[in-house]
Each structure stands twice: as C-alpha cells, then as structure tokens.
Amino acid sequence: MPARIPMPARIAAGGDGEDHWRLFIAVPVTGPVAGALQAWMAAARRQRPGLKWVRPGDLHITLRFLGNRPVASIPSLVAAGARAAREAAPLDVAVRGVGGFPAAGRARTLWAGVGEGAAALAALAASLETQLLAVAPDLDPVQQPFQAHITLARVRGGWIDLDRWPHAAAVRQQDWGRLPVRAMVLFRSQLHPGGPVYTPLHRWPLGEAAAGLDEPPAPR
C-alpha cells in the first residue's frame, strides 16, 4: 500500500459544494484477523439481522474521530499525523474476544478487543492527540480514556445481552490472531441510509519508514 493515497482533485472545494468533511484516523484491520472476524460476523449477521453490522472491508481500530472538519484544514491534519507517526514504532497487537459497550450484558455496541499491544496503541493515540490539537485548537479534546477495540456492530434500538447469545458467548475469550500495525490512515466518512462509506485520504507509515517522507503538499 503506498505511503500517500492520492486525494481527490475536488478536495479543496469539497467537490459537491461541501466545505466540511467528516473525518477519522484509524488502523485498518486486514489479513487473517479480518478474515476470522468476518467469518464470525457472517454467521452472527444471519442470527441477528436487525443489528447494524460493519461492512467486512471496513473493520478498523479508531485512533481519533475528528468529526466535521474544514476541507481546507486537511493538509495541516496530515502534517500533524506525520509527526505522530514518526514518533511511533511498528507493532503487532493481539485481537481477542468479543464484548460490548457499555457492558456485555447491556451492549449497544459489539466489539472485538485488543490485548497485547493496547498500551502502545494508546500511546500512539495520545501522541496523535497532542499533534492534532497543536494544529486544530478548536478540536474538543478527548475526555474518555482510550480503549482500543474493533467495532463489529451496533444495536439499532435498545441493547443486547451477549452472555445470553450463545454465538457471542462462545467467543468471549476467542483468540482472533495478531494484527500487524504498520500504518494509520486518515478516512473520510460519508453517511448514507445503507451505512457509512469510508474513503482513505492519506496513509502514514509508522516509525522510521515515515521519516523520509516529505510533508504532503496542499491538495489541488
């Protein structure tokens, strides 16, 4: 995957009259871990079609949700992300289990957890937060402690008891494998009735691999 994902030429003007885009920064979940989760989700979707399931190719670990940001600010956000990426080191994380927010017994969000490597991801998120606030002081600082996870589904209304759902209870401690984390990606999120559509805008390699990259030019 190239270090720089070409941004659409229309980015400077928002393309369709928009001057703000909904953005977030995340680690994509790919490879064997994604395959294992997707297989479990396929069966889970058949059992619980009423849940709002994440599309198989959209699994990720969110590092920072940015909300609606001016399109003109994207180059400065990219530069901030590059500084945080250079301070980080590539790592592997262990993906384990299935749980729920706010609690497994009354889950509104279903997720796969992160064990080993969670502290390093938290450190990356903290460094990213510092760099982003330096270039975007109007961002609301993150208030909740960072908890690395992979969102799998959301409950459309009410909640679900994962302990009483055998398909979920069986994988509460499941080892999904190790996920190599070599980069983080800036995504645009466009909300649609059928679910959000994520478009990658920029990819930052972590650590020394990022040191030789030039700061990205302003989008044309």
Protein backbone atom coordinates (compact mmCIF):
# COMPACT_ATOMS: atom_id res chain seq x y z
CA MET A 1 0.00 0.00 0.00
CA PRO A 2 1.59 3.35 -0.97
CA ALA A 3 2.50 5.82 1.73
CA ARG A 4 0.43 8.52 0.16
CA ILE A 5 -3.09 7.86 -1.04
CA PRO A 6 -3.91 10.39 -3.77
CA MET A 7 -6.55 12.80 -2.56
CA PRO A 8 -9.39 13.61 -4.95
CA ALA A 9 -8.74 16.70 -7.01
CA ARG A 10 -12.02 18.16 -5.76
CA ILE A 11 -10.87 18.10 -2.12
CA ALA A 12 -10.00 21.80 -1.96
CA ALA A 13 -13.57 22.77 -2.72
CA GLY A 14 -15.32 19.82 -1.16
CA GLY A 15 -16.25 18.55 -4.64
CA ASP A 16 -20.01 18.74 -4.24
CA GLY A 17 -20.34 22.11 -2.59
CA GLU A 18 -19.28 20.83 0.84
CA ASP A 19 -16.63 22.73 2.76
CA HIS A 20 -16.53 20.30 5.71
CA TRP A 21 -15.85 16.57 5.67
CA ARG A 22 -16.45 14.00 8.39
CA LEU A 23 -13.05 12.54 9.22
CA PHE A 24 -11.39 9.97 11.45
CA ILE A 25 -7.96 8.38 11.84
CA ALA A 26 -7.70 4.62 12.27
CA VAL A 27 -5.68 1.45 11.89
CA PRO A 28 -7.31 -0.74 9.21
CA VAL A 29 -7.91 -4.37 10.21
CA THR A 30 -6.76 -6.68 7.43
CA GLY A 31 -5.24 -10.11 6.86
CA PRO A 32 -6.03 -13.27 8.86
CA VAL A 33 -7.51 -11.32 11.79
CA ALA A 34 -10.00 -9.62 9.48
CA GLY A 35 -10.84 -12.97 7.88
CA ALA A 36 -11.51 -14.63 11.23
CA LEU A 37 -13.73 -11.77 12.41
CA GLN A 38 -15.58 -11.64 9.10
CA ALA A 39 -16.35 -15.36 9.30
CA TRP A 40 -17.82 -14.97 12.79
CA MET A 41 -19.75 -11.88 11.72
CA ALA A 42 -21.24 -13.66 8.69
CA ALA A 43 -22.87 -16.26 10.95
CA ALA A 44 -23.79 -13.60 13.52
CA ARG A 45 -25.48 -11.50 10.86
CA ARG A 46 -27.71 -14.42 9.90
CA GLN A 47 -28.73 -14.87 13.54
CA ARG A 48 -29.15 -11.16 14.31
CA PRO A 49 -30.01 -9.40 11.04
CA GLY A 50 -31.53 -6.49 12.94
CA LEU A 51 -28.16 -5.28 14.17
CA LYS A 52 -26.23 -2.67 12.20
CA TRP A 53 -23.18 -4.69 11.17
CA VAL A 54 -19.95 -3.10 10.00
CA ARG A 55 -19.15 -3.95 6.39
CA PRO A 56 -16.48 -6.68 6.22
CA GLY A 57 -13.94 -4.46 4.47
CA ASP A 58 -14.44 -1.56 6.88
CA LEU A 59 -13.10 -3.09 10.11
CA HIS A 60 -10.70 -0.75 11.89
CA ILE A 61 -9.34 0.48 15.21
CA THR A 62 -10.21 4.15 15.61
CA LEU A 63 -7.39 6.29 16.98
CA ARG A 64 -9.17 9.65 16.74
CA PHE A 65 -12.59 10.69 15.49
CA LEU A 66 -12.29 14.23 14.16
CA GLY A 67 -15.90 14.96 13.27
CA ASN A 68 -16.75 17.53 10.60
CA ARG A 69 -13.61 19.43 9.69
CA PRO A 70 -12.98 22.16 7.11
CA VAL A 71 -11.65 20.61 3.92
CA ALA A 72 -9.01 23.36 3.80
CA SER A 73 -7.58 22.08 7.11
CA ILE A 74 -6.78 18.59 5.81
CA PRO A 75 -3.15 19.36 4.82
CA SER A 76 -2.38 20.57 8.35
CA LEU A 77 -4.06 17.46 9.82
CA VAL A 78 -1.96 15.29 7.53
CA ALA A 79 1.21 17.07 8.66
CA ALA A 80 0.22 16.56 12.32
CA GLY A 81 -0.39 12.87 11.69
CA ALA A 82 3.03 12.55 10.04
CA ARG A 83 4.74 13.90 13.15
CA ALA A 84 2.90 11.43 15.38
CA ALA A 85 3.66 8.55 13.01
CA ARG A 86 7.38 9.30 13.02
CA GLU A 87 7.42 9.09 16.84
CA ALA A 88 5.77 5.65 16.84
CA ALA A 89 7.17 2.22 16.09
CA PRO A 90 5.55 -0.56 14.06
CA LEU A 91 3.93 -3.13 16.32
CA ASP A 92 1.73 -6.21 16.44
CA VAL A 93 -1.41 -6.33 18.56
CA ALA A 94 -3.31 -9.35 19.83
CA VAL A 95 -7.02 -9.27 18.96
CA ARG A 96 -9.07 -11.19 21.46
CA GLY A 97 -12.66 -11.83 22.44
CA VAL A 98 -15.98 -10.15 21.80
CA GLY A 99 -17.52 -7.66 24.21
CA GLY A 100 -19.92 -4.78 24.35
CA PHE A 101 -20.27 -1.15 25.33
CA PRO A 102 -21.34 -0.05 27.87
CA ALA A 103 -21.38 -3.63 29.22
CA ALA A 104 -21.63 -7.13 27.75
CA GLY A 105 -24.98 -7.68 29.46
CA ARG A 106 -26.48 -4.50 28.01
CA ALA A 107 -24.47 -3.98 24.86
CA ARG A 108 -25.31 -1.23 22.41
CA THR A 109 -22.03 -1.70 20.53
CA LEU A 110 -20.36 -5.05 19.84
CA TRP A 111 -16.59 -5.11 19.54
CA ALA A 112 -13.52 -7.29 19.35
CA GLY A 113 -10.94 -6.39 21.97
CA VAL A 114 -7.21 -5.71 21.91
CA GLY A 115 -4.91 -7.35 24.46
CA GLU A 116 -1.16 -7.20 23.99
CA GLY A 117 -0.26 -4.01 22.16
CA ALA A 118 -3.14 -1.97 23.58
CA ALA A 119 -0.76 0.24 25.61
CA ALA A 120 1.30 1.05 22.51
CA LEU A 121 -1.86 1.97 20.59
CA ALA A 122 -2.92 4.20 23.49
CA ALA A 123 0.47 5.93 23.37
CA LEU A 124 0.08 6.46 19.62
CA ALA A 125 -3.41 7.90 20.15
CA ALA A 126 -2.06 10.25 22.85
CA SER A 127 0.77 11.46 20.61
CA LEU A 128 -1.69 11.96 17.77
CA GLU A 129 -3.97 13.94 20.08
CA THR A 130 -1.13 16.30 21.02
CA GLN A 131 -0.16 16.90 17.41
CA LEU A 132 -3.74 17.40 16.22
CA LEU A 133 -4.60 19.91 18.96
CA ALA A 134 -1.49 21.88 18.04
CA VAL A 135 -2.81 22.49 14.51
CA ALA A 136 -6.55 22.40 15.29
CA PRO A 137 -7.05 24.03 18.72
CA ASP A 138 -10.81 24.17 18.10
CA LEU A 139 -11.00 20.36 18.34
CA ASP A 140 -12.70 19.19 21.51
CA PRO A 141 -10.05 17.30 23.49
CA VAL A 142 -10.75 13.62 24.06
CA GLN A 143 -12.31 13.15 27.50
CA GLN A 144 -12.60 9.36 27.79
CA PRO A 145 -9.57 7.10 28.28
CA PHE A 146 -8.53 5.44 25.04
CA GLN A 147 -9.72 1.83 24.73
CA ALA A 148 -8.52 0.05 21.61
CA HIS A 149 -11.27 -2.03 20.00
CA ILE A 150 -12.71 -3.07 16.67
CA THR A 151 -16.39 -2.20 16.30
CA LEU A 152 -18.34 -5.10 14.80
CA ALA A 153 -21.97 -3.99 15.08
CA ARG A 154 -24.31 -1.51 16.72
CA VAL A 155 -27.76 -2.15 18.15
CA ARG A 156 -30.36 -0.10 16.29
CA GLY A 157 -32.50 0.35 19.37
CA GLY A 158 -32.24 -0.86 22.93
CA TRP A 159 -29.49 -3.31 23.81
CA ILE A 160 -28.46 -6.95 23.60
CA ASP A 161 -27.23 -9.36 26.28
CA LEU A 162 -24.12 -11.01 24.86
CA ASP A 163 -23.99 -13.52 27.70
CA ARG A 164 -27.37 -14.91 26.63
CA TRP A 165 -26.46 -15.12 22.96
CA PRO A 166 -24.58 -18.43 22.50
CA HIS A 167 -22.83 -17.30 19.31
CA ALA A 168 -21.30 -14.34 21.18
CA ALA A 169 -20.76 -16.09 24.50
CA ALA A 170 -18.70 -18.79 22.75
CA VAL A 171 -16.10 -16.24 21.59
CA ARG A 172 -15.86 -14.01 24.65
CA GLN A 173 -12.22 -15.15 25.06
CA GLN A 174 -11.54 -16.12 21.44
CA ASP A 175 -8.01 -15.53 20.11
CA TRP A 176 -8.52 -13.92 16.70
CA GLY A 177 -4.80 -13.67 15.96
CA ARG A 178 -2.16 -10.96 15.79
CA LEU A 179 -2.66 -7.83 13.72
CA PRO A 180 0.44 -6.12 12.29
CA VAL A 181 0.14 -2.36 12.78
CA ARG A 182 2.43 -0.66 10.32
CA ALA A 183 0.48 2.47 9.47
CA MET A 184 -2.50 4.62 10.32
CA VAL A 185 -4.94 6.08 7.80
CA LEU A 186 -6.99 9.26 7.53
CA PHE A 187 -10.52 8.41 6.34
CA ARG A 188 -13.44 10.41 5.14
CA SER A 189 -16.79 9.04 6.37
CA GLN A 190 -19.90 9.75 4.31
CA LEU A 191 -23.18 8.79 5.93
CA HIS A 192 -25.76 7.00 3.77
CA PRO A 193 -29.00 5.13 4.57
CA GLY A 194 -27.27 1.84 3.81
CA GLY A 195 -24.37 2.63 6.12
CA PRO A 196 -21.30 4.87 6.10
CA VAL A 197 -18.85 4.85 3.21
CA TYR A 198 -15.19 5.23 4.15
CA THR A 199 -12.71 6.77 1.72
CA PRO A 200 -8.97 6.67 2.59
CA LEU A 201 -7.33 10.06 2.10
CA HIS A 202 -3.82 9.56 3.46
CA ARG A 203 -1.68 6.75 4.90
CA TRP A 204 1.14 7.36 7.39
CA PRO A 205 3.73 4.57 7.87
CA LEU A 206 4.84 4.24 11.49
CA GLY A 207 8.38 4.83 12.71
CA GLU A 208 11.47 5.04 10.58
CA ALA A 209 9.55 4.23 7.43
CA ALA A 210 7.84 7.60 7.77
CA ALA A 211 11.00 9.61 8.46
CA GLY A 212 11.95 10.15 4.83
CA LEU A 213 8.52 11.21 3.60
CA ASP A 214 8.00 14.79 2.61
CA GLU A 215 5.18 16.71 4.18
CA PRO A 216 2.20 16.43 1.80
CA PRO A 217 1.53 19.42 -0.42
CA ALA A 218 -1.74 21.27 -0.19
CA PRO A 219 -4.44 19.44 -2.19
CA ARG A 220 -5.15 20.88 -5.60
